[in-house]
Amino acid sequence: MKKAKYAKEDETLETLLNLDGERYITDDNFRIEIDAKRVKVTQNRPYGIRYRLALIDPNGKRIIGYENHRKHKIKTKRKKHGAKKITFDHKHKLEKITDYEFESASQLIEDFWNDINKITKFY
């Protein structure tokens, strides 16, 4: 039996990895872009995936994005084991960047599509 790379093995990571490189254009000319690559397991990426999910408006401006790139390292307000957790997981909503608590790949995908549905209703 293969040993899990971290405490809670997420079986849906393969689903996210299979979406790598996907590009969609909606009827309203919004672009949806999904990138996901396997990376070394670290404290900041315990699931071993680097991801970027983005909704881009017809003018090329990112409206919403979920990602875990190092350049946006964020100290969360949540505490894990009594100390602040440093995470690379975050969410962009226009210019605002907030932390995102990665629970699973399936939850990430669901949150992203829920945001797309909410946002595109008002454009």
PDB file of N, CA and C in Angstrom:
ATOM      1  N   MET A   1       0.843  -1.185   0.000  1.00  0.00           N
ATOM      2  CA  MET A   1       0.000   0.000   0.000  1.00  0.00           C
ATOM      3  C   MET A   1       0.882   1.241   0.000  1.00  0.00           C
ATOM      4  N   LYS A   2       0.541   2.214  -0.851  1.00  0.00           N
ATOM      5  CA  LYS A   2       1.311   3.444  -0.956  1.00  0.00           C
ATOM      6  C   LYS A   2       1.041   4.337   0.249  1.00  0.00           C
ATOM      7  N   LYS A   3       2.115   4.858   0.837  1.00  0.00           N
ATOM      8  CA  LYS A   3       1.977   5.721   2.003  1.00  0.00           C
ATOM      9  C   LYS A   3       1.579   7.129   1.574  1.00  0.00           C
ATOM     10  N   ALA A   4       0.635   7.744   2.295  1.00  0.00           N
ATOM     11  CA  ALA A   4       0.203   9.107   1.992  1.00  0.00           C
ATOM     12  C   ALA A   4       1.351  10.074   2.205  1.00  0.00           C
ATOM     13  N   LYS A   5       1.411  11.103   1.364  1.00  0.00           N
ATOM     14  CA  LYS A   5       2.467  12.100   1.478  1.00  0.00           C
ATOM     15  C   LYS A   5       2.181  13.098   2.587  1.00  0.00           C
ATOM     16  N   TYR A   6       0.957  13.169   3.030  1.00  0.00           N
ATOM     17  CA  TYR A   6       0.596  14.040   4.139  1.00  0.00           C
ATOM     18  C   TYR A   6      -0.578  13.410   4.851  1.00  0.00           C
ATOM     19  N   ALA A   7      -0.970  13.971   5.986  1.00  0.00           N
ATOM     20  CA  ALA A   7      -1.938  13.335   6.872  1.00  0.00           C
ATOM     21  C   ALA A   7      -3.253  12.973   6.179  1.00  0.00           C
ATOM     22  N   LYS A   8      -3.838  13.903   5.461  1.00  0.00           N
ATOM     23  CA  LYS A   8      -5.108  13.634   4.798  1.00  0.00           C
ATOM     24  C   LYS A   8      -4.867  13.519   3.303  1.00  0.00           C
ATOM     25  N   GLU A   9      -4.737  12.326   2.808  1.00  0.00           N
ATOM     26  CA  GLU A   9      -4.521  12.137   1.371  1.00  0.00           C
ATOM     27  C   GLU A   9      -5.783  12.558   0.625  1.00  0.00           C
ATOM     28  N   ASP A  10      -5.632  13.426  -0.334  1.00  0.00           N
ATOM     29  CA  ASP A  10      -6.745  13.948  -1.112  1.00  0.00           C
ATOM     30  C   ASP A  10      -6.814  13.190  -2.434  1.00  0.00           C
ATOM     31  N   GLU A  11      -7.802  12.327  -2.565  1.00  0.00           N
ATOM     32  CA  GLU A  11      -7.942  11.512  -3.762  1.00  0.00           C
ATOM     33  C   GLU A  11      -8.332  12.343  -4.973  1.00  0.00           C
ATOM     34  N   THR A  12      -8.802  13.584  -4.766  1.00  0.00           N
ATOM     35  CA  THR A  12      -9.254  14.410  -5.884  1.00  0.00           C
ATOM     36  C   THR A  12      -8.122  15.226  -6.509  1.00  0.00           C
ATOM     37  N   LEU A  13      -6.919  15.100  -6.008  1.00  0.00           N
ATOM     38  CA  LEU A  13      -5.789  15.819  -6.611  1.00  0.00           C
ATOM     39  C   LEU A  13      -5.588  15.429  -8.077  1.00  0.00           C
ATOM     40  N   GLU A  14      -5.805  14.171  -8.395  1.00  0.00           N
ATOM     41  CA  GLU A  14      -5.655  13.728  -9.784  1.00  0.00           C
ATOM     42  C   GLU A  14      -6.653  14.430 -10.701  1.00  0.00           C
ATOM     43  N   THR A  15      -7.854  14.692 -10.201  1.00  0.00           N
ATOM     44  CA  THR A  15      -8.850  15.428 -10.982  1.00  0.00           C
ATOM     45  C   THR A  15      -8.327  16.815 -11.322  1.00  0.00           C
ATOM     46  N   LEU A  16      -7.776  17.499 -10.327  1.00  0.00           N
ATOM     47  CA  LEU A  16      -7.208  18.823 -10.562  1.00  0.00           C
ATOM     48  C   LEU A  16      -6.042  18.746 -11.545  1.00  0.00           C
ATOM     49  N   LEU A  17      -5.165  17.785 -11.369  1.00  0.00           N
ATOM     50  CA  LEU A  17      -4.026  17.623 -12.277  1.00  0.00           C
ATOM     51  C   LEU A  17      -4.479  17.347 -13.713  1.00  0.00           C
ATOM     52  N   ASN A  18      -5.566  16.597 -13.865  1.00  0.00           N
ATOM     53  CA  ASN A  18      -6.088  16.300 -15.197  1.00  0.00           C
ATOM     54  C   ASN A  18      -6.660  17.536 -15.895  1.00  0.00           C
ATOM     55  N   LEU A  19      -6.974  18.584 -15.125  1.00  0.00           N
ATOM     56  CA  LEU A  19      -7.496  19.821 -15.698  1.00  0.00           C
ATOM     57  C   LEU A  19      -6.376  20.775 -16.128  1.00  0.00           C
ATOM     58  N   ASP A  20      -5.130  20.409 -15.870  1.00  0.00           N
ATOM     59  CA  ASP A  20      -4.005  21.275 -16.215  1.00  0.00           C
ATOM     60  C   ASP A  20      -4.039  21.665 -17.693  1.00  0.00           C
ATOM     61  N   GLY A  21      -3.920  22.968 -17.942  1.00  0.00           N
ATOM     62  CA  GLY A  21      -3.885  23.469 -19.305  1.00  0.00           C
ATOM     63  C   GLY A  21      -5.246  23.724 -19.929  1.00  0.00           C
ATOM     64  N   GLU A  22      -6.313  23.444 -19.196  1.00  0.00           N
ATOM     65  CA  GLU A  22      -7.657  23.658 -19.754  1.00  0.00           C
ATOM     66  C   GLU A  22      -7.937  25.149 -19.906  1.00  0.00           C
ATOM     67  N   ARG A  23      -8.552  25.501 -21.021  1.00  0.00           N
ATOM     68  CA  ARG A  23      -8.944  26.868 -21.321  1.00  0.00           C
ATOM     69  C   ARG A  23     -10.359  26.825 -21.877  1.00  0.00           C
ATOM     70  N   TYR A  24     -11.227  27.663 -21.335  1.00  0.00           N
ATOM     71  CA  TYR A  24     -12.612  27.730 -21.786  1.00  0.00           C
ATOM     72  C   TYR A  24     -12.962  29.186 -22.082  1.00  0.00           C
ATOM     73  N   ILE A  25     -13.852  29.383 -23.010  1.00  0.00           N
ATOM     74  CA  ILE A  25     -14.396  30.711 -23.286  1.00  0.00           C
ATOM     75  C   ILE A  25     -15.909  30.598 -23.102  1.00  0.00           C
ATOM     76  N   THR A  26     -16.466  31.466 -22.257  1.00  0.00           N
ATOM     77  CA  THR A  26     -17.908  31.431 -22.017  1.00  0.00           C
ATOM     78  C   THR A  26     -18.647  32.150 -23.135  1.00  0.00           C
ATOM     79  N   ASP A  27     -19.965  32.031 -23.120  1.00  0.00           N
ATOM     80  CA  ASP A  27     -20.791  32.719 -24.121  1.00  0.00           C
ATOM     81  C   ASP A  27     -20.608  34.235 -24.053  1.00  0.00           C
ATOM     82  N   ASP A  28     -20.233  34.742 -22.868  1.00  0.00           N
ATOM     83  CA  ASP A  28     -20.027  36.182 -22.679  1.00  0.00           C
ATOM     84  C   ASP A  28     -18.566  36.588 -22.878  1.00  0.00           C
ATOM     85  N   ASN A  29     -17.771  35.702 -23.461  1.00  0.00           N
ATOM     86  CA  ASN A  29     -16.350  35.941 -23.758  1.00  0.00           C
ATOM     87  C   ASN A  29     -15.452  36.085 -22.526  1.00  0.00           C
ATOM     88  N   PHE A  30     -15.833  35.493 -21.412  1.00  0.00           N
ATOM     89  CA  PHE A  30     -14.932  35.373 -20.276  1.00  0.00           C
ATOM     90  C   PHE A  30     -14.033  34.181 -20.546  1.00  0.00           C
ATOM     91  N   ARG A  31     -12.778  34.269 -20.121  1.00  0.00           N
ATOM     92  CA  ARG A  31     -11.857  33.136 -20.236  1.00  0.00           C
ATOM     93  C   ARG A  31     -11.722  32.474 -18.876  1.00  0.00           C
ATOM     94  N   ILE A  32     -11.712  31.169 -18.894  1.00  0.00           N
ATOM     95  CA  ILE A  32     -11.460  30.372 -17.689  1.00  0.00           C
ATOM     96  C   ILE A  32     -10.186  29.589 -17.961  1.00  0.00           C
ATOM     97  N   GLU A  33      -9.214  29.740 -17.060  1.00  0.00           N
ATOM     98  CA  GLU A  33      -7.924  29.082 -17.235  1.00  0.00           C
ATOM     99  C   GLU A  33      -7.593  28.267 -15.991  1.00  0.00           C
ATOM    100  N   ILE A  34      -7.151  27.036 -16.207  1.00  0.00           N
ATOM    101  CA  ILE A  34      -6.794  26.150 -15.098  1.00  0.00           C
ATOM    102  C   ILE A  34      -5.413  25.566 -15.357  1.00  0.00           C
ATOM    103  N   ASP A  35      -4.536  25.744 -14.389  1.00  0.00           N
ATOM    104  CA  ASP A  35      -3.193  25.161 -14.435  1.00  0.00           C
ATOM    105  C   ASP A  35      -2.952  24.440 -13.113  1.00  0.00           C
ATOM    106  N   ALA A  36      -2.385  23.266 -13.185  1.00  0.00           N
ATOM    107  CA  ALA A  36      -2.066  22.498 -11.982  1.00  0.00           C
ATOM    108  C   ALA A  36      -0.898  21.574 -12.289  1.00  0.00           C
ATOM    109  N   LYS A  37       0.128  21.670 -11.486  1.00  0.00           N
ATOM    110  CA  LYS A  37       1.335  20.854 -11.670  1.00  0.00           C
ATOM    111  C   LYS A  37       1.722  20.205 -10.347  1.00  0.00           C
ATOM    112  N   ARG A  38       2.243  19.015 -10.454  1.00  0.00           N
ATOM    113  CA  ARG A  38       2.780  18.347  -9.269  1.00  0.00           C
ATOM    114  C   ARG A  38       4.118  19.005  -8.925  1.00  0.00           C
ATOM    115  N   VAL A  39       4.321  19.305  -7.653  1.00  0.00           N
ATOM    116  CA  VAL A  39       5.571  19.891  -7.164  1.00  0.00           C
ATOM    117  C   VAL A  39       6.003  19.150  -5.908  1.00  0.00           C
ATOM    118  N   LYS A  40       7.177  19.471  -5.455  1.00  0.00           N
ATOM    119  CA  LYS A  40       7.701  18.865  -4.233  1.00  0.00           C
ATOM    120  C   LYS A  40       6.789  19.209  -3.050  1.00  0.00           C
ATOM    121  N   VAL A  41       6.526  18.226  -2.228  1.00  0.00           N
ATOM    122  CA  VAL A  41       5.733  18.445  -1.021  1.00  0.00           C
ATOM    123  C   VAL A  41       6.554  19.282  -0.047  1.00  0.00           C
ATOM    124  N   THR A  42       5.967  20.385   0.405  1.00  0.00           N
ATOM    125  CA  THR A  42       6.619  21.263   1.381  1.00  0.00           C
ATOM    126  C   THR A  42       5.631  21.614   2.478  1.00  0.00           C
ATOM    127  N   GLN A  43       6.099  22.328   3.464  1.00  0.00           N
ATOM    128  CA  GLN A  43       5.230  22.779   4.546  1.00  0.00           C
ATOM    129  C   GLN A  43       4.136  23.690   3.988  1.00  0.00           C
ATOM    130  N   ASN A  44       4.474  24.495   2.996  1.00  0.00           N
ATOM    131  CA  ASN A  44       3.524  25.436   2.431  1.00  0.00           C
ATOM    132  C   ASN A  44       2.634  24.838   1.350  1.00  0.00           C
ATOM    133  N   ARG A  45       3.031  23.714   0.804  1.00  0.00           N
ATOM    134  CA  ARG A  45       2.232  22.975  -0.182  1.00  0.00           C
ATOM    135  C   ARG A  45       2.240  21.494   0.194  1.00  0.00           C
ATOM    136  N   PRO A  46       1.592  21.137   1.301  1.00  0.00           N
ATOM    137  CA  PRO A  46       1.642  19.764   1.800  1.00  0.00           C
ATOM    138  C   PRO A  46       0.971  18.751   0.890  1.00  0.00           C
ATOM    139  N   TYR A  47       0.190  19.203  -0.057  1.00  0.00           N
ATOM    140  CA  TYR A  47      -0.504  18.316  -0.993  1.00  0.00           C
ATOM    141  C   TYR A  47       0.300  18.126  -2.274  1.00  0.00           C
ATOM    142  N   GLY A  48       1.426  18.867  -2.432  1.00  0.00           N
ATOM    143  CA  GLY A  48       2.326  18.650  -3.565  1.00  0.00           C
ATOM    144  C   GLY A  48       1.803  19.099  -4.917  1.00  0.00           C
ATOM    145  N   ILE A  49       0.971  20.137  -4.929  1.00  0.00           N
ATOM    146  CA  ILE A  49       0.411  20.670  -6.166  1.00  0.00           C
ATOM    147  C   ILE A  49       0.577  22.192  -6.185  1.00  0.00           C
ATOM    148  N   ARG A  50       0.988  22.724  -7.336  1.00  0.00           N
ATOM    149  CA  ARG A  50       0.959  24.171  -7.547  1.00  0.00           C
ATOM    150  C   ARG A  50      -0.179  24.409  -8.527  1.00  0.00           C
ATOM    151  N   TYR A  51      -1.091  25.317  -8.161  1.00  0.00           N
ATOM    152  CA  TYR A  51      -2.273  25.512  -8.988  1.00  0.00           C
ATOM    153  C   TYR A  51      -2.551  26.990  -9.253  1.00  0.00           C
ATOM    154  N   ARG A  52      -3.305  27.221 -10.317  1.00  0.00           N
ATOM    155  CA  ARG A  52      -3.803  28.545 -10.675  1.00  0.00           C
ATOM    156  C   ARG A  52      -5.115  28.343 -11.420  1.00  0.00           C
ATOM    157  N   LEU A  53      -6.192  28.891 -10.875  1.00  0.00           N
ATOM    158  CA  LEU A  53      -7.494  28.863 -11.527  1.00  0.00           C
ATOM    159  C   LEU A  53      -7.930  30.314 -11.669  1.00  0.00           C
ATOM    160  N   ALA A  54      -8.274  30.747 -12.865  1.00  0.00           N
ATOM    161  CA  ALA A  54      -8.569  32.160 -13.077  1.00  0.00           C
ATOM    162  C   ALA A  54      -9.765  32.369 -13.992  1.00  0.00           C
ATOM    163  N   LEU A  55     -10.516  33.423 -13.673  1.00  0.00           N
ATOM    164  CA  LEU A  55     -11.586  33.917 -14.530  1.00  0.00           C
ATOM    165  C   LEU A  55     -11.132  35.287 -15.019  1.00  0.00           C
ATOM    166  N   ILE A  56     -11.076  35.447 -16.331  1.00  0.00           N
ATOM    167  CA  ILE A  56     -10.575  36.669 -16.943  1.00  0.00           C
ATOM    168  C   ILE A  56     -11.684  37.278 -17.789  1.00  0.00           C
ATOM    169  N   ASP A  57     -11.924  38.588 -17.603  1.00  0.00           N
ATOM    170  CA  ASP A  57     -13.015  39.226 -18.323  1.00  0.00           C
ATOM    171  C   ASP A  57     -12.661  39.429 -19.803  1.00  0.00           C
ATOM    172  N   PRO A  58     -13.647  39.827 -20.623  1.00  0.00           N
ATOM    173  CA  PRO A  58     -13.392  39.987 -22.057  1.00  0.00           C
ATOM    174  C   PRO A  58     -12.289  40.997 -22.395  1.00  0.00           C
ATOM    175  N   ASN A  59     -11.973  41.910 -21.468  1.00  0.00           N
ATOM    176  CA  ASN A  59     -10.914  42.895 -21.687  1.00  0.00           C
ATOM    177  C   ASN A  59      -9.547  42.408 -21.213  1.00  0.00           C
ATOM    178  N   GLY A  60      -9.468  41.185 -20.711  1.00  0.00           N
ATOM    179  CA  GLY A  60      -8.196  40.620 -20.280  1.00  0.00           C
ATOM    180  C   GLY A  60      -7.852  40.849 -18.814  1.00  0.00           C
ATOM    181  N   LYS A  61      -8.780  41.385 -18.026  1.00  0.00           N
ATOM    182  CA  LYS A  61      -8.529  41.633 -16.602  1.00  0.00           C
ATOM    183  C   LYS A  61      -8.975  40.424 -15.777  1.00  0.00           C
ATOM    184  N   ARG A  62      -8.084  39.984 -14.864  1.00  0.00           N
ATOM    185  CA  ARG A  62      -8.460  38.861 -13.998  1.00  0.00           C
ATOM    186  C   ARG A  62      -9.500  39.352 -12.995  1.00  0.00           C
ATOM    187  N   ILE A  63     -10.617  38.668 -12.951  1.00  0.00           N
ATOM    188  CA  ILE A  63     -11.707  39.006 -12.045  1.00  0.00           C
ATOM    189  C   ILE A  63     -11.574  38.188 -10.755  1.00  0.00           C
ATOM    190  N   ILE A  64     -11.316  36.907 -10.919  1.00  0.00           N
ATOM    191  CA  ILE A  64     -11.175  36.008  -9.759  1.00  0.00           C
ATOM    192  C   ILE A  64     -10.040  35.050 -10.052  1.00  0.00           C
ATOM    193  N   GLY A  65      -9.313  34.696  -9.020  1.00  0.00           N
ATOM    194  CA  GLY A  65      -8.245  33.730  -9.186  1.00  0.00           C
ATOM    195  C   GLY A  65      -7.930  33.016  -7.885  1.00  0.00           C
ATOM    196  N   TYR A  66      -7.676  31.754  -7.992  1.00  0.00           N
ATOM    197  CA  TYR A  66      -7.214  30.948  -6.860  1.00  0.00           C
ATOM    198  C   TYR A  66      -5.842  30.435  -7.244  1.00  0.00           C
ATOM    199  N   GLU A  67      -4.868  30.576  -6.347  1.00  0.00           N
ATOM    200  CA  GLU A  67      -3.534  30.086  -6.658  1.00  0.00           C
ATOM    201  C   GLU A  67      -2.712  29.913  -5.388  1.00  0.00           C
ATOM    202  N   ASN A  68      -1.561  29.295  -5.570  1.00  0.00           N
ATOM    203  CA  ASN A  68      -0.641  29.119  -4.442  1.00  0.00           C
ATOM    204  C   ASN A  68       0.794  29.374  -4.887  1.00  0.00           C
ATOM    205  N   HIS A  69       0.991  30.484  -5.586  1.00  0.00           N
ATOM    206  CA  HIS A  69       2.326  30.872  -6.015  1.00  0.00           C
ATOM    207  C   HIS A  69       3.060  31.535  -4.861  1.00  0.00           C
ATOM    208  N   ARG A  70       4.314  31.309  -4.773  1.00  0.00           N
ATOM    209  CA  ARG A  70       5.140  31.794  -3.675  1.00  0.00           C
ATOM    210  C   ARG A  70       5.126  33.311  -3.542  1.00  0.00           C
ATOM    211  N   LYS A  71       5.023  34.051  -4.627  1.00  0.00           N
ATOM    212  CA  LYS A  71       5.146  35.499  -4.565  1.00  0.00           C
ATOM    213  C   LYS A  71       4.069  36.174  -3.723  1.00  0.00           C
ATOM    214  N   HIS A  72       2.996  35.479  -3.410  1.00  0.00           N
ATOM    215  CA  HIS A  72       1.928  36.053  -2.596  1.00  0.00           C
ATOM    216  C   HIS A  72       1.827  35.382  -1.239  1.00  0.00           C
ATOM    217  N   LYS A  73       2.936  35.039  -0.645  1.00  0.00           N
ATOM    218  CA  LYS A  73       2.940  34.382   0.658  1.00  0.00           C
ATOM    219  C   LYS A  73       2.136  35.233   1.647  1.00  0.00           C
ATOM    220  N   ILE A  74       1.179  34.621   2.283  1.00  0.00           N
ATOM    221  CA  ILE A  74       0.256  35.340   3.158  1.00  0.00           C
ATOM    222  C   ILE A  74       0.259  34.712   4.539  1.00  0.00           C
ATOM    223  N   LYS A  75       0.289  35.543   5.564  1.00  0.00           N
ATOM    224  CA  LYS A  75       0.094  35.052   6.925  1.00  0.00           C
ATOM    225  C   LYS A  75      -1.396  35.054   7.202  1.00  0.00           C
ATOM    226  N   THR A  76      -1.920  33.910   7.551  1.00  0.00           N
ATOM    227  CA  THR A  76      -3.355  33.802   7.761  1.00  0.00           C
ATOM    228  C   THR A  76      -3.729  34.289   9.147  1.00  0.00           C
ATOM    229  N   LYS A  77      -5.010  34.606   9.293  1.00  0.00           N
ATOM    230  CA  LYS A  77      -5.533  34.987  10.604  1.00  0.00           C
ATOM    231  C   LYS A  77      -5.852  33.741  11.415  1.00  0.00           C
ATOM    232  N   ARG A  78      -6.077  32.632  10.716  1.00  0.00           N
ATOM    233  CA  ARG A  78      -6.384  31.385  11.410  1.00  0.00           C
ATOM    234  C   ARG A  78      -5.125  30.840  12.071  1.00  0.00           C
ATOM    235  N   LYS A  79      -5.325  30.141  13.143  1.00  0.00           N
ATOM    236  CA  LYS A  79      -4.179  29.550  13.822  1.00  0.00           C
ATOM    237  C   LYS A  79      -4.249  28.036  13.712  1.00  0.00           C
ATOM    238  N   LYS A  80      -3.099  27.439  13.568  1.00  0.00           N
ATOM    239  CA  LYS A  80      -2.996  25.987  13.517  1.00  0.00           C
ATOM    240  C   LYS A  80      -2.004  25.588  14.594  1.00  0.00           C
ATOM    241  N   HIS A  81      -2.438  24.844  15.563  1.00  0.00           N
ATOM    242  CA  HIS A  81      -1.599  24.387  16.667  1.00  0.00           C
ATOM    243  C   HIS A  81      -1.004  25.567  17.443  1.00  0.00           C
ATOM    244  N   GLY A  82      -1.797  26.637  17.593  1.00  0.00           N
ATOM    245  CA  GLY A  82      -1.382  27.756  18.431  1.00  0.00           C
ATOM    246  C   GLY A  82      -0.452  28.762  17.778  1.00  0.00           C
ATOM    247  N   ALA A  83      -0.049  28.570  16.538  1.00  0.00           N
ATOM    248  CA  ALA A  83       0.836  29.514  15.859  1.00  0.00           C
ATOM    249  C   ALA A  83       0.236  29.892  14.516  1.00  0.00           C
ATOM    250  N   LYS A  84       0.589  31.062  14.030  1.00  0.00           N
ATOM    251  CA  LYS A  84       0.091  31.465  12.723  1.00  0.00           C
ATOM    252  C   LYS A  84       0.658  30.550  11.654  1.00  0.00           C
ATOM    253  N   LYS A  85      -0.196  30.113  10.779  1.00  0.00           N
ATOM    254  CA  LYS A  85       0.210  29.245   9.680  1.00  0.00           C
ATOM    255  C   LYS A  85       0.577  30.113   8.479  1.00  0.00           C
ATOM    256  N   ILE A  86       1.688  29.824   7.855  1.00  0.00           N
ATOM    257  CA  ILE A  86       2.061  30.532   6.639  1.00  0.00           C
ATOM    258  C   ILE A  86       1.647  29.659   5.465  1.00  0.00           C
ATOM    259  N   THR A  87       0.889  30.252   4.563  1.00  0.00           N
ATOM    260  CA  THR A  87       0.364  29.490   3.447  1.00  0.00           C
ATOM    261  C   THR A  87       0.615  30.221   2.136  1.00  0.00           C
ATOM    262  N   PHE A  88       0.700  29.491   1.063  1.00  0.00           N
ATOM    263  CA  PHE A  88       0.786  30.089  -0.260  1.00  0.00           C
ATOM    264  C   PHE A  88      -0.591  30.133  -0.918  1.00  0.00           C
ATOM    265  N   ASP A  89      -1.570  29.453  -0.347  1.00  0.00           N
ATOM    266  CA  ASP A  89      -2.915  29.406  -0.911  1.00  0.00           C
ATOM    267  C   ASP A  89      -3.591  30.757  -0.704  1.00  0.00           C
ATOM    268  N   HIS A  90      -4.092  31.322  -1.792  1.00  0.00           N
ATOM    269  CA  HIS A  90      -4.779  32.595  -1.681  1.00  0.00           C
ATOM    270  C   HIS A  90      -5.763  32.766  -2.825  1.00  0.00           C
ATOM    271  N   LYS A  91      -6.589  33.799  -2.674  1.00  0.00           N
ATOM    272  CA  LYS A  91      -7.640  34.087  -3.640  1.00  0.00           C
ATOM    273  C   LYS A  91      -7.525  35.554  -4.047  1.00  0.00           C
ATOM    274  N   HIS A  92      -7.631  35.802  -5.329  1.00  0.00           N
ATOM    275  CA  HIS A  92      -7.681  37.165  -5.860  1.00  0.00           C
ATOM    276  C   HIS A  92      -9.127  37.455  -6.237  1.00  0.00           C
ATOM    277  N   LYS A  93      -9.621  38.585  -5.807  1.00  0.00           N
ATOM    278  CA  LYS A  93     -10.898  39.095  -6.301  1.00  0.00           C
ATOM    279  C   LYS A  93     -10.608  40.519  -6.724  1.00  0.00           C
ATOM    280  N   LEU A  94     -10.485  40.699  -8.036  1.00  0.00           N
ATOM    281  CA  LEU A  94      -9.961  41.935  -8.610  1.00  0.00           C
ATOM    282  C   LEU A  94      -8.588  42.191  -8.010  1.00  0.00           C
ATOM    283  N   GLU A  95      -8.379  43.319  -7.352  1.00  0.00           N
ATOM    284  CA  GLU A  95      -7.052  43.641  -6.804  1.00  0.00           C
ATOM    285  C   GLU A  95      -6.864  43.157  -5.368  1.00  0.00           C
ATOM    286  N   LYS A  96      -7.933  42.691  -4.744  1.00  0.00           N
ATOM    287  CA  LYS A  96      -7.866  42.259  -3.342  1.00  0.00           C
ATOM    288  C   LYS A  96      -7.362  40.814  -3.254  1.00  0.00           C
ATOM    289  N   ILE A  97      -6.399  40.583  -2.355  1.00  0.00           N
ATOM    290  CA  ILE A  97      -5.849  39.244  -2.141  1.00  0.00           C
ATOM    291  C   ILE A  97      -6.159  38.816  -0.715  1.00  0.00           C
ATOM    292  N   THR A  98      -6.754  37.650  -0.567  1.00  0.00           N
ATOM    293  CA  THR A  98      -7.057  37.100   0.756  1.00  0.00           C
ATOM    294  C   THR A  98      -6.553  35.668   0.825  1.00  0.00           C
ATOM    295  N   ASP A  99      -6.371  35.190   2.047  1.00  0.00           N
ATOM    296  CA  ASP A  99      -5.935  33.802   2.187  1.00  0.00           C
ATOM    297  C   ASP A  99      -7.082  32.871   1.805  1.00  0.00           C
ATOM    298  N   TYR A 100      -6.711  31.677   1.401  1.00  0.00           N
ATOM    299  CA  TYR A 100      -7.683  30.651   1.038  1.00  0.00           C
ATOM    300  C   TYR A 100      -7.277  29.385   1.769  1.00  0.00           C
ATOM    301  N   GLU A 101      -8.191  28.816   2.506  1.00  0.00           N
ATOM    302  CA  GLU A 101      -7.916  27.592   3.253  1.00  0.00           C
ATOM    303  C   GLU A 101      -8.158  26.387   2.351  1.00  0.00           C
ATOM    304  N   PHE A 102      -7.074  25.809   1.830  1.00  0.00           N
ATOM    305  CA  PHE A 102      -7.174  24.645   0.950  1.00  0.00           C
ATOM    306  C   PHE A 102      -7.605  23.443   1.785  1.00  0.00           C
ATOM    307  N   GLU A 103      -8.765  22.891   1.447  1.00  0.00           N
ATOM    308  CA  GLU A 103      -9.266  21.697   2.129  1.00  0.00           C
ATOM    309  C   GLU A 103      -9.050  20.456   1.281  1.00  0.00           C
ATOM    310  N   SER A 104      -9.355  20.593  -0.006  1.00  0.00           N
ATOM    311  CA  SER A 104      -9.192  19.496  -0.955  1.00  0.00           C
ATOM    312  C   SER A 104      -9.261  20.073  -2.361  1.00  0.00           C
ATOM    313  N   ALA A 105      -8.789  19.304  -3.309  1.00  0.00           N
ATOM    314  CA  ALA A 105      -8.849  19.750  -4.701  1.00  0.00           C
ATOM    315  C   ALA A 105     -10.300  19.889  -5.146  1.00  0.00           C
ATOM    316  N   SER A 106     -11.152  18.980  -4.727  1.00  0.00           N
ATOM    317  CA  SER A 106     -12.561  19.066  -5.132  1.00  0.00           C
ATOM    318  C   SER A 106     -13.221  20.315  -4.560  1.00  0.00           C
ATOM    319  N   GLN A 107     -12.883  20.691  -3.327  1.00  0.00           N
ATOM    320  CA  GLN A 107     -13.445  21.901  -2.724  1.00  0.00           C
ATOM    321  C   GLN A 107     -12.931  23.145  -3.442  1.00  0.00           C
ATOM    322  N   LEU A 108     -11.667  23.146  -3.821  1.00  0.00           N
ATOM    323  CA  LEU A 108     -11.082  24.251  -4.579  1.00  0.00           C
ATOM    324  C   LEU A 108     -11.836  24.443  -5.900  1.00  0.00           C
ATOM    325  N   ILE A 109     -12.037  23.371  -6.626  1.00  0.00           N
ATOM    326  CA  ILE A 109     -12.733  23.437  -7.916  1.00  0.00           C
ATOM    327  C   ILE A 109     -14.171  23.919  -7.711  1.00  0.00           C
ATOM    328  N   GLU A 110     -14.835  23.406  -6.683  1.00  0.00           N
ATOM    329  CA  GLU A 110     -16.214  23.817  -6.402  1.00  0.00           C
ATOM    330  C   GLU A 110     -16.285  25.299  -6.038  1.00  0.00           C
ATOM    331  N   ASP A 111     -15.375  25.763  -5.182  1.00  0.00           N
ATOM    332  CA  ASP A 111     -15.354  27.181  -4.800  1.00  0.00           C
ATOM    333  C   ASP A 111     -15.129  28.070  -6.026  1.00  0.00           C
ATOM    334  N   PHE A 112     -14.214  27.660  -6.885  1.00  0.00           N
ATOM    335  CA  PHE A 112     -13.913  28.420  -8.090  1.00  0.00           C
ATOM    336  C   PHE A 112     -15.144  28.526  -8.993  1.00  0.00           C
ATOM    337  N   TRP A 113     -15.803  27.406  -9.275  1.00  0.00           N
ATOM    338  CA  TRP A 113     -16.975  27.437 -10.151  1.00  0.00           C
ATOM    339  C   TRP A 113     -18.132  28.195  -9.508  1.00  0.00           C
ATOM    340  N   ASN A 114     -18.292  28.107  -8.192  1.00  0.00           N
ATOM    341  CA  ASN A 114     -19.331  28.890  -7.514  1.00  0.00           C
ATOM    342  C   ASN A 114     -19.074  30.383  -7.689  1.00  0.00           C
ATOM    343  N   ASP A 115     -17.818  30.799  -7.555  1.00  0.00           N
ATOM    344  CA  ASP A 115     -17.481  32.208  -7.766  1.00  0.00           C
ATOM    345  C   ASP A 115     -17.749  32.631  -9.205  1.00  0.00           C
ATOM    346  N   ILE A 116     -17.394  31.788 -10.149  1.00  0.00           N
ATOM    347  CA  ILE A 116     -17.648  32.109 -11.562  1.00  0.00           C
ATOM    348  C   ILE A 116     -19.139  32.334 -11.785  1.00  0.00           C
ATOM    349  N   ASN A 117     -19.953  31.443 -11.250  1.00  0.00           N
ATOM    350  CA  ASN A 117     -21.405  31.571 -11.430  1.00  0.00           C
ATOM    351  C   ASN A 117     -21.943  32.851 -10.809  1.00  0.00           C
ATOM    352  N   LYS A 118     -21.452  33.212  -9.625  1.00  0.00           N
ATOM    353  CA  LYS A 118     -21.893  34.445  -8.966  1.00  0.00           C
ATOM    354  C   LYS A 118     -21.466  35.678  -9.767  1.00  0.00           C
ATOM    355  N   ILE A 119     -20.231  35.693 -10.188  1.00  0.00           N
ATOM    356  CA  ILE A 119     -19.658  36.872 -10.833  1.00  0.00           C
ATOM    357  C   ILE A 119     -20.238  37.093 -12.229  1.00  0.00           C
ATOM    358  N   THR A 120     -20.335  36.049 -13.021  1.00  0.00           N
ATOM    359  CA  THR A 120     -20.782  36.239 -14.395  1.00  0.00           C
ATOM    360  C   THR A 120     -22.271  36.615 -14.493  1.00  0.00           C
ATOM    361  N   LYS A 121     -23.038  36.412 -13.440  1.00  0.00           N
ATOM    362  CA  LYS A 121     -24.439  36.832 -13.428  1.00  0.00           C
ATOM    363  C   LYS A 121     -24.582  38.352 -13.512  1.00  0.00           C
ATOM    364  N   PHE A 122     -23.575  39.063 -13.002  1.00  0.00           N
ATOM    365  CA  PHE A 122     -23.682  40.526 -12.893  1.00  0.00           C
ATOM    366  C   PHE A 122     -22.984  41.260 -14.028  1.00  0.00           C
ATOM    367  N   TYR A 123     -22.420  40.551 -14.972  1.00  0.00           N
ATOM    368  CA  TYR A 123     -21.760  41.208 -16.107  1.00  0.00           C
ATOM    369  C   TYR A 123     -22.644  41.230 -17.319  1.00  0.00           C
TER     370      TYR A 123
END
